[in-house]
Amino acid sequence: MFMTFLLIGVVLLMVEAAIPGFGIFGVTGLFSLLAALFIYLGGGGQALFIVGALLFLTLVLAYWFFRKGPHSRIGRRITLGLRFTADKGYEATERLTQMVGQTGTAATPLRPSGRVEIHGEPYDAMTRGEFYEAGTPVKVIAVSSRQLVVEKEVL
């Protein structure tokens, strides 16, 4: 019986790791492993106490890891401290939607996507299927998938 619960627990944890989901397989696998440990320890009050203590310790460590862990010395060494800011090249969609109606020039050929320059700043852009050469005056008509949608500006 011990080996059955152990095998089921390991398989369920592997399924949880391989298939994205809501954690059902992981939680079931964890309880299966705890049941295997309970059986391995012979059952009874002492085994129940040990399994309960391990479950409690696991919950406390998980809480610490998610709340305090990333800010600890060890947590800073094992996690990436990336900040997605505009000065590093990350742009919010709201900022891009403010570009609708602005004019600029194609910095690269747009076939149908490329780069445009508006007010001296480069942006990713695409057309609605048309090809424009570099230097073509363009106007922003929409934002789609974090890219500016442009058309040839009529002068």
Foldseek 3Di string as FASTA:
>chain_A
DLVVLLVQLVVLCVCCVVDPDDCPSNVSSVVSNLVSQCVVVPHDDVSVVVSVVVVVVVVVVVVCCVPPVCVDPVNVVPDDPDDQDVVVPHDDVVVVQVQAFFKFWAQAKPCQWDWTAGPRDIFTEGEPRDIDGGGFIWGFHGADPRHTYIDGDDD
